[in-house]
C-alpha atoms as a PDB file:
ATOM      1  CA  UNK A   1     -68.123 105.984 157.229  1.00  0.00           C
ATOM      2  CA  UNK A   2     -70.437 106.336 160.217  1.00  0.00           C
ATOM      3  CA  UNK A   3     -70.700 108.377 163.341  1.00  0.00           C
ATOM      4  CA  UNK A   4     -71.434 106.639 166.645  1.00  0.00           C
ATOM      5  CA  UNK A   5     -74.374 108.150 168.537  1.00  0.00           C
ATOM      6  CA  UNK A   6     -74.939 105.462 171.199  1.00  0.00           C
ATOM      7  CA  UNK A   7     -74.970 101.704 171.526  1.00  0.00           C
ATOM      8  CA  UNK A   8     -78.204 101.511 169.500  1.00  0.00           C
ATOM      9  CA  UNK A   9     -77.648 104.235 166.861  1.00  0.00           C
ATOM     10  CA  UNK A  10     -75.064 105.077 164.229  1.00  0.00           C
ATOM     11  CA  UNK A  11     -75.527 107.490 161.312  1.00  0.00           C
ATOM     12  CA  UNK A  12     -73.855 107.272 157.930  1.00  0.00           C
ATOM     13  CA  UNK A  13     -72.082 110.220 156.374  1.00  0.00           C
ATOM     14  CA  UNK A  14     -74.797 111.721 154.132  1.00  0.00           C
ATOM     15  CA  UNK A  15     -72.721 113.983 151.909  1.00  0.00           C
ATOM     16  CA  UNK A  16     -73.242 117.139 153.930  1.00  0.00           C
ATOM     17  CA  UNK A  17     -70.676 119.887 154.115  1.00  0.00           C
ATOM     18  CA  UNK A  18     -68.537 119.525 157.255  1.00  0.00           C
ATOM     19  CA  UNK A  19     -68.033 122.631 159.359  1.00  0.00           C
ATOM     20  CA  UNK A  20     -65.618 123.178 162.252  1.00  0.00           C
ATOM     21  CA  UNK A  21     -66.234 125.981 164.732  1.00  0.00           C
ATOM     22  CA  UNK A  22     -64.060 127.453 167.452  1.00  0.00           C
ATOM     23  CA  UNK A  23     -66.494 129.110 169.772  1.00  0.00           C
ATOM     24  CA  UNK A  24     -68.923 130.904 167.460  1.00  0.00           C
ATOM     25  CA  UNK A  25     -66.363 131.381 164.712  1.00  0.00           C
ATOM     26  CA  UNK A  26     -66.445 129.148 161.627  1.00  0.00           C
ATOM     27  CA  UNK A  27     -62.847 128.123 160.963  1.00  0.00           C
ATOM     28  CA  UNK A  28     -63.062 125.250 158.469  1.00  0.00           C
ATOM     29  CA  UNK A  29     -65.506 124.095 155.760  1.00  0.00           C
ATOM     30  CA  UNK A  30     -65.016 120.861 153.823  1.00  0.00           C
ATOM     31  CA  UNK A  31     -67.381 120.208 150.870  1.00  0.00           C
ATOM     32  CA  UNK A  32     -65.858 116.959 149.603  1.00  0.00           C
ATOM     33  CA  UNK A  33     -64.245 115.287 152.588  1.00  0.00           C
ATOM     34  CA  UNK A  34     -61.669 112.543 152.290  1.00  0.00           C
ATOM     35  CA  UNK A  35     -61.683 109.553 154.607  1.00  0.00           C
ATOM     36  CA  UNK A  36     -59.068 111.364 156.722  1.00  0.00           C
ATOM     37  CA  UNK A  37     -61.348 114.449 156.976  1.00  0.00           C
ATOM     38  CA  UNK A  38     -64.285 112.227 158.019  1.00  0.00           C
ATOM     39  CA  UNK A  39     -62.172 110.620 160.725  1.00  0.00           C
ATOM     40  CA  UNK A  40     -61.167 114.074 161.963  1.00  0.00           C
ATOM     41  CA  UNK A  41     -64.878 114.862 162.381  1.00  0.00           C
ATOM     42  CA  UNK A  42     -65.527 111.634 164.329  1.00  0.00           C
ATOM     43  CA  UNK A  43     -66.634 109.296 161.531  1.00  0.00           C
ATOM     44  CA  UNK A  44     -65.450 105.671 161.668  1.00  0.00           C
ATOM     45  CA  UNK A  45     -65.757 102.525 159.579  1.00  0.00           C
ATOM     46  CA  UNK A  46     -68.682 100.204 160.426  1.00  0.00           C
ATOM     47  CA  UNK A  47     -67.836  96.501 160.702  1.00  0.00           C
ATOM     48  CA  UNK A  48     -71.096  94.715 159.795  1.00  0.00           C
ATOM     49  CA  UNK A  49     -72.057  91.173 160.769  1.00  0.00           C
ATOM     50  CA  UNK A  50     -74.693  88.821 159.453  1.00  0.00           C
ATOM     51  CA  UNK A  51     -78.127  88.998 161.015  1.00  0.00           C
ATOM     52  CA  UNK A  52     -78.871  85.713 162.825  1.00  0.00           C
ATOM     53  CA  UNK A  53     -82.027  83.707 162.205  1.00  0.00           C
ATOM     54  CA  UNK A  54     -84.784  83.793 164.787  1.00  0.00           C
ATOM     55  CA  UNK A  55     -88.312  82.528 165.284  1.00  0.00           C
ATOM     56  CA  UNK A  56     -90.371  85.703 164.865  1.00  0.00           C
ATOM     57  CA  UNK A  57     -93.228  84.144 166.901  1.00  0.00           C
ATOM     58  CA  UNK A  58     -91.107  83.667 170.023  1.00  0.00           C
ATOM     59  CA  UNK A  59     -87.967  85.797 169.553  1.00  0.00           C
ATOM     60  CA  UNK A  60     -86.727  89.181 168.394  1.00  0.00           C
ATOM     61  CA  UNK A  61     -83.335  90.531 167.371  1.00  0.00           C
ATOM     62  CA  UNK A  62     -81.589  93.299 169.280  1.00  0.00           C
ATOM     63  CA  UNK A  63     -78.935  95.215 167.311  1.00  0.00           C
ATOM     64  CA  UNK A  64     -76.108  97.014 169.171  1.00  0.00           C
ATOM     65  CA  UNK A  65     -72.981  98.920 168.244  1.00  0.00           C
ATOM     66  CA  UNK A  66     -69.681  99.025 170.107  1.00  0.00           C
ATOM     67  CA  UNK A  67     -66.617 101.192 169.607  1.00  0.00           C
ATOM     68  CA  UNK A  68     -63.338  99.240 169.463  1.00  0.00           C
ATOM     69  CA  UNK A  69     -60.033 100.811 168.396  1.00  0.00           C
ATOM     70  CA  UNK A  70     -61.539 103.483 166.143  1.00  0.00           C
ATOM     71  CA  UNK A  71     -64.098 101.209 164.471  1.00  0.00           C
ATOM     72  CA  UNK A  72     -67.773 100.614 165.069  1.00  0.00           C
ATOM     73  CA  UNK A  73     -68.721  96.952 165.418  1.00  0.00           C
ATOM     74  CA  UNK A  74     -72.294  95.835 164.811  1.00  0.00           C
ATOM     75  CA  UNK A  75     -73.622  92.866 166.791  1.00  0.00           C
ATOM     76  CA  UNK A  76     -76.944  91.082 167.136  1.00  0.00           C
ATOM     77  CA  UNK A  77     -78.519  89.230 170.024  1.00  0.00           C
ATOM     78  CA  UNK A  78     -81.491  86.903 169.684  1.00  0.00           C
ATOM     79  CA  UNK A  79     -83.851  87.520 172.634  1.00  0.00           C
ATOM     80  CA  UNK A  80     -86.735  85.287 173.701  1.00  0.00           C
ATOM     81  CA  UNK A  81     -90.111  87.068 174.004  1.00  0.00           C
ATOM     82  CA  UNK A  82     -91.434  86.673 177.530  1.00  0.00           C
ATOM     83  CA  UNK A  83     -95.094  87.031 178.412  1.00  0.00           C
ATOM     84  CA  UNK A  84     -96.019  88.396 181.832  1.00  0.00           C
ATOM     85  CA  UNK A  85     -98.495  85.954 183.394  1.00  0.00           C
ATOM     86  CA  UNK A  86    -100.171  88.882 185.242  1.00  0.00           C
ATOM     87  CA  UNK A  87    -101.069  90.735 182.029  1.00  0.00           C
ATOM     88  CA  UNK A  88    -104.339  90.193 180.171  1.00  0.00           C
END
């Protein structure tokens, strides 16, 4: 299970104790969360895809994440490296 940060970053659940606060008051502590508990705290399954091939001399791979119906989808885009003629 993973938590979505932004379109370029997701973080896996790392085994930490989950804590729920209402204002400054601690109201819930979960040491061994179930999948349902993780979902309650915003964690979702990650749907991984295969990394495409690219020519490392002329291309790079851009990884992105997208939220769709309570799941995080990983996607890759092969981008051509462009050289600015005015540089150098």
